[in-house]
Amino acid sequence: MREPEPETVGLAQAGDLRAFESLVRDCQADVWRFAYHLTRSRATADDVTQETFLRAFRSLPTYRGGESKFSSWLLRIARNCATDLFRRTRREDLREDPTAARPAPTSESRGAEDRIRIEQALRSLPAELREPFVMIEVLGYDYREASAVLQVKLGTVKSRMHRARALLVAALGSEEAADEV
């Protein structure tokens, strides 16, 4: 996620709605992508993203730019919104989004098939491993930033990344072996 200009953040904090709209436009796609990987549902990711920006708007006066990056602060809000949603739904399993397109393997290139396999393997990871993996490998955060957003120690992020990678390699490797048989 590209870090917004400090001037834009400052103007938004001062109540400039156009500046806040600019922040939403700049960050919305990455917040949605993070929410989607957390919730595994397009509709739920839409709801989490909307709630994230509502909470961010209400909480902008409390954001302290010198203490954390705006993007880290925003993703922490997104994570909290997703967690709150899970609590509200009494931890019911969120089903895989039935509207997600699953192209027929015969009509797609090998690259598209690989992306689908990787996405499925990523979805199979437990949330505690998927969150840091998405932040670091998909959104491009470094380990320290992921640690701040997830509110866990740096060593915990490193350990979870190692476990996530090992599980993904095992899942993708076993699929390749099955394809060869």
Protein backbone atom coordinates (compact mmCIF):
# COMPACT_ATOMS: atom_id res chain seq x y z
CA MET A 1 0.00 0.00 0.00
CA ARG A 2 1.37 3.38 -0.98
CA GLU A 3 1.60 5.75 1.95
CA PRO A 4 -0.58 8.86 1.45
CA GLU A 5 0.94 12.32 1.58
CA PRO A 6 1.16 13.67 5.15
CA GLU A 7 -0.44 16.92 3.96
CA THR A 8 -3.50 15.02 2.73
CA VAL A 9 -3.79 13.20 6.05
CA GLY A 10 -3.43 16.49 7.92
CA LEU A 11 -6.12 18.16 5.83
CA ALA A 12 -8.45 15.19 6.39
CA GLN A 13 -7.79 15.39 10.12
CA ALA A 14 -8.73 19.07 9.98
CA GLY A 15 -12.11 18.12 8.47
CA ASP A 16 -11.44 18.52 4.74
CA LEU A 17 -13.83 16.03 3.11
CA ARG A 18 -12.05 16.17 -0.24
CA ALA A 19 -8.80 15.17 1.44
CA PHE A 20 -10.57 12.26 3.13
CA GLU A 21 -12.10 11.22 -0.20
CA SER A 22 -8.59 11.23 -1.65
CA LEU A 23 -7.43 8.95 1.17
CA VAL A 24 -10.33 6.58 0.49
CA ARG A 25 -9.54 6.48 -3.25
CA ASP A 26 -5.84 5.86 -2.57
CA CYS A 27 -6.31 3.14 0.05
CA GLN A 28 -9.65 1.49 -0.70
CA ALA A 29 -8.36 -1.27 -3.00
CA ASP A 30 -5.68 -2.41 -0.55
CA VAL A 31 -8.06 -2.29 2.42
CA TRP A 32 -10.60 -4.34 0.45
CA ARG A 33 -7.96 -6.87 -0.60
CA PHE A 34 -6.81 -7.26 3.01
CA ALA A 35 -10.44 -7.61 4.19
CA TYR A 36 -11.13 -10.18 1.47
CA HIS A 37 -8.20 -12.32 2.54
CA LEU A 38 -9.35 -12.09 6.15
CA THR A 39 -13.01 -12.86 5.53
CA ARG A 40 -12.88 -15.01 2.35
CA SER A 41 -16.02 -13.31 1.07
CA ARG A 42 -16.43 -10.51 -1.44
CA ALA A 43 -19.63 -9.20 0.14
CA THR A 44 -18.16 -9.31 3.64
CA ALA A 45 -14.98 -7.60 2.42
CA ASP A 46 -17.19 -4.83 1.01
CA ASP A 47 -18.87 -4.43 4.41
CA VAL A 48 -15.57 -4.50 6.31
CA THR A 49 -14.06 -1.94 3.94
CA GLN A 50 -17.01 0.40 4.33
CA GLU A 51 -16.95 0.07 8.12
CA THR A 52 -13.18 0.62 8.11
CA PHE A 53 -13.50 3.98 6.40
CA LEU A 54 -16.42 5.02 8.62
CA ARG A 55 -14.36 4.25 11.73
CA ALA A 56 -11.30 5.90 10.22
CA PHE A 57 -13.29 9.07 9.51
CA ARG A 58 -14.59 9.16 13.08
CA SER A 59 -11.15 8.40 14.52
CA LEU A 60 -9.03 10.65 12.31
CA PRO A 61 -8.54 13.24 15.08
CA THR A 62 -6.89 10.56 17.23
CA TYR A 63 -4.40 9.45 14.54
CA ARG A 64 -0.85 10.48 15.46
CA GLY A 65 1.32 10.52 12.37
CA GLY A 66 4.63 10.36 14.21
CA GLU A 67 3.78 7.12 15.98
CA SER A 68 2.71 4.93 13.05
CA LYS A 69 2.16 5.01 9.32
CA PHE A 70 -1.33 5.96 8.18
CA SER A 71 -1.60 2.74 6.17
CA SER A 72 -0.69 0.65 9.24
CA TRP A 73 -3.27 2.53 11.31
CA LEU A 74 -5.91 1.98 8.61
CA LEU A 75 -5.20 -1.76 8.23
CA ARG A 76 -5.37 -2.17 12.00
CA ILE A 77 -8.86 -0.66 11.86
CA ALA A 78 -9.76 -3.05 9.00
CA ARG A 79 -8.55 -6.01 11.01
CA ASN A 80 -10.58 -4.88 14.02
CA CYS A 81 -13.67 -4.45 11.83
CA ALA A 82 -13.28 -7.97 10.48
CA THR A 83 -12.80 -9.32 14.01
CA ASP A 84 -15.89 -7.45 15.22
CA LEU A 85 -17.88 -8.93 12.35
CA PHE A 86 -16.84 -12.44 13.37
CA ARG A 87 -17.90 -11.70 16.94
CA ARG A 88 -21.26 -10.31 15.82
CA THR A 89 -21.99 -13.40 13.76
CA ARG A 90 -21.10 -15.56 16.78
CA ARG A 91 -18.11 -17.03 15.03
CA GLU A 92 -20.21 -18.76 12.39
CA ASP A 93 -18.15 -20.05 9.52
CA LEU A 94 -18.20 -17.67 6.60
CA ARG A 95 -18.82 -19.75 3.55
CA GLU A 96 -16.72 -19.29 0.46
CA ASP A 97 -18.26 -16.61 -1.75
CA PRO A 98 -20.52 -18.43 -4.25
CA THR A 99 -20.26 -15.50 -6.66
CA ALA A 100 -16.50 -15.90 -7.00
CA ALA A 101 -15.78 -16.97 -10.56
CA ARG A 102 -14.12 -20.35 -10.97
CA PRO A 103 -13.03 -20.60 -14.58
CA ALA A 104 -12.95 -23.96 -16.28
CA PRO A 105 -9.41 -25.31 -16.33
CA THR A 106 -9.62 -26.12 -20.04
CA SER A 107 -10.35 -22.52 -21.01
CA GLU A 108 -7.67 -20.86 -18.89
CA SER A 109 -3.96 -20.60 -19.35
CA ARG A 110 -1.54 -22.38 -17.04
CA GLY A 111 -0.76 -19.06 -15.31
CA ALA A 112 -4.41 -18.54 -14.39
CA GLU A 113 -4.64 -22.12 -13.10
CA ASP A 114 -1.57 -21.52 -10.95
CA ARG A 115 -3.08 -18.32 -9.51
CA ILE A 116 -6.28 -20.20 -8.64
CA ARG A 117 -4.30 -22.98 -6.94
CA ILE A 118 -2.28 -20.43 -4.96
CA GLU A 119 -5.44 -18.57 -3.92
CA GLN A 120 -7.06 -21.82 -2.77
CA ALA A 121 -3.96 -22.79 -0.82
CA LEU A 122 -3.86 -19.33 0.76
CA ARG A 123 -7.53 -19.62 1.75
CA SER A 124 -6.78 -22.91 3.47
CA LEU A 125 -4.32 -21.24 5.87
CA PRO A 126 -5.58 -20.44 9.37
CA ALA A 127 -6.25 -16.70 9.87
CA GLU A 128 -3.26 -16.24 12.19
CA LEU A 129 -0.94 -17.39 9.37
CA ARG A 130 -2.88 -15.87 6.47
CA GLU A 131 -2.90 -12.33 7.94
CA PRO A 132 0.87 -11.79 8.07
CA PHE A 133 1.36 -13.60 4.76
CA VAL A 134 -1.12 -11.32 2.99
CA MET A 135 0.36 -8.22 4.58
CA ILE A 136 3.93 -9.09 3.65
CA GLU A 137 3.68 -11.01 0.38
CA VAL A 138 0.53 -9.48 -1.14
CA LEU A 139 0.41 -5.93 0.23
CA GLY A 140 4.19 -5.45 0.46
CA TYR A 141 4.58 -4.55 4.13
CA ASP A 142 7.81 -5.35 5.91
CA TYR A 143 7.91 -7.53 9.00
CA ARG A 144 7.99 -4.61 11.46
CA GLU A 145 4.97 -2.96 9.86
CA ALA A 146 3.04 -6.24 9.90
CA SER A 147 3.98 -6.67 13.54
CA ALA A 148 2.56 -3.22 14.34
CA VAL A 149 -0.68 -3.78 12.44
CA LEU A 150 -1.26 -7.27 13.83
CA GLN A 151 -0.16 -6.17 17.31
CA VAL A 152 2.14 -9.15 17.81
CA LYS A 153 5.87 -9.36 18.39
CA LEU A 154 8.26 -9.30 15.45
CA GLY A 155 9.42 -12.84 16.23
CA THR A 156 5.82 -14.02 16.14
CA VAL A 157 5.37 -12.54 12.65
CA LYS A 158 8.55 -14.25 11.47
CA SER A 159 7.45 -17.57 12.94
CA ARG A 160 3.99 -17.31 11.38
CA MET A 161 5.47 -16.41 8.00
CA HIS A 162 7.75 -19.45 8.16
CA ARG A 163 4.80 -21.72 9.02
CA ALA A 164 2.58 -20.14 6.35
CA ARG A 165 5.22 -20.63 3.67
CA ALA A 166 5.83 -24.22 4.74
CA LEU A 167 2.11 -25.02 4.62
CA LEU A 168 1.71 -23.34 1.23
CA VAL A 169 4.69 -25.21 -0.22
CA ALA A 170 3.29 -28.48 1.13
CA ALA A 171 -0.21 -27.77 -0.22
CA LEU A 172 1.01 -26.68 -3.64
CA GLY A 173 3.55 -29.50 -3.80
CA SER A 174 0.98 -32.17 -2.97
CA GLU A 175 -1.36 -30.78 -5.67
CA GLU A 176 1.42 -30.97 -8.26
CA ALA A 177 2.17 -34.57 -7.24
CA ALA A 178 -1.52 -35.45 -7.53
CA ASP A 179 -1.70 -33.82 -10.97
CA GLU A 180 1.19 -35.96 -12.20
CA VAL A 181 -0.45 -39.25 -11.19
